[in-house]
């Protein structure tokens, strides 16, 4: 499932990455988006860019390309 398929307030978990670009994957990992990490979708802009998530007590804003590179599952 993609982040854009979730609604504000939903809780999810990172299940993988859909990008094969190692540098881009490394950027996601540096932001704390490691497999198994739980997050809450705070809000999504009307056109899907950007999305704000709460992860480990911090707010993180993701551009559409970053959000689309994540595979998530709803909890």
Protein backbone atom coordinates (compact mmCIF):
# COMPACT_ATOMS: atom_id res chain seq x y z
CA UNK A 1 0.00 0.00 0.00
CA UNK A 2 1.15 3.56 -0.64
CA UNK A 3 1.08 6.45 1.83
CA UNK A 4 -1.31 8.38 -0.44
CA UNK A 5 -3.94 5.66 0.07
CA UNK A 6 -4.11 6.39 3.80
CA UNK A 7 -6.24 9.02 5.52
CA UNK A 8 -5.27 11.56 8.18
CA UNK A 9 -5.13 9.91 11.60
CA UNK A 10 -4.31 6.44 10.24
CA UNK A 11 -1.46 4.56 11.87
CA UNK A 12 0.89 2.67 9.61
CA UNK A 13 4.16 0.83 9.49
CA UNK A 14 6.97 0.97 6.93
CA UNK A 15 7.06 -2.39 5.17
CA UNK A 16 9.60 -1.68 2.41
CA UNK A 17 10.76 0.57 -0.40
CA UNK A 18 9.64 0.63 -4.01
CA UNK A 19 12.71 2.42 -5.32
CA UNK A 20 15.86 0.68 -6.46
CA UNK A 21 17.92 3.89 -6.29
CA UNK A 22 20.32 3.24 -3.41
CA UNK A 23 20.99 6.92 -2.70
CA UNK A 24 17.26 7.65 -2.48
CA UNK A 25 16.70 4.66 -0.20
CA UNK A 26 19.57 5.89 1.98
CA UNK A 27 17.86 9.29 2.28
CA UNK A 28 14.67 7.61 3.53
CA UNK A 29 16.66 5.58 6.04
CA UNK A 30 18.42 8.71 7.31
CA UNK A 31 15.02 10.30 7.94
CA UNK A 32 14.17 7.37 10.24
CA UNK A 33 11.91 5.50 7.80
CA UNK A 34 13.31 2.07 8.59
CA UNK A 35 11.35 -1.15 7.96
CA UNK A 36 9.02 -1.82 10.88
CA UNK A 37 8.88 1.80 12.05
CA UNK A 38 5.39 2.89 13.07
CA UNK A 39 4.04 6.33 12.15
CA UNK A 40 0.83 8.35 12.14
CA UNK A 41 -0.33 10.24 9.06
CA UNK A 42 -1.05 13.72 10.40
CA UNK A 43 -2.27 15.34 7.20
CA UNK A 44 -2.09 15.06 3.45
CA UNK A 45 -2.28 18.10 1.15
CA UNK A 46 -5.28 18.09 -1.22
CA UNK A 47 -3.13 17.15 -4.22
CA UNK A 48 -1.01 14.70 -2.21
CA UNK A 49 2.11 16.84 -1.95
CA UNK A 50 3.35 17.16 0.79
CA UNK A 51 2.32 14.62 3.41
CA UNK A 52 3.06 15.12 7.10
CA UNK A 53 3.70 12.12 9.32
CA UNK A 54 4.52 11.83 13.00
CA UNK A 55 7.35 9.40 13.64
CA UNK A 56 9.10 8.77 16.96
CA UNK A 57 7.72 12.01 18.42
CA UNK A 58 8.85 14.15 15.48
CA UNK A 59 7.03 15.62 12.50
CA UNK A 60 8.32 14.71 9.08
CA UNK A 61 7.09 16.20 5.81
CA UNK A 62 7.48 14.09 2.69
CA UNK A 63 7.26 15.17 -0.91
CA UNK A 64 5.18 13.05 -3.27
CA UNK A 65 8.24 11.23 -4.69
CA UNK A 66 9.48 10.38 -1.19
CA UNK A 67 6.04 9.18 -0.10
CA UNK A 68 5.62 7.09 -3.27
CA UNK A 69 8.97 5.38 -2.65
CA UNK A 70 7.63 3.93 0.63
CA UNK A 71 5.65 0.73 0.91
CA UNK A 72 3.47 0.87 4.03
CA UNK A 73 0.86 -1.22 5.74
CA UNK A 74 -2.03 0.13 7.77
CA UNK A 75 -2.21 -0.97 11.40
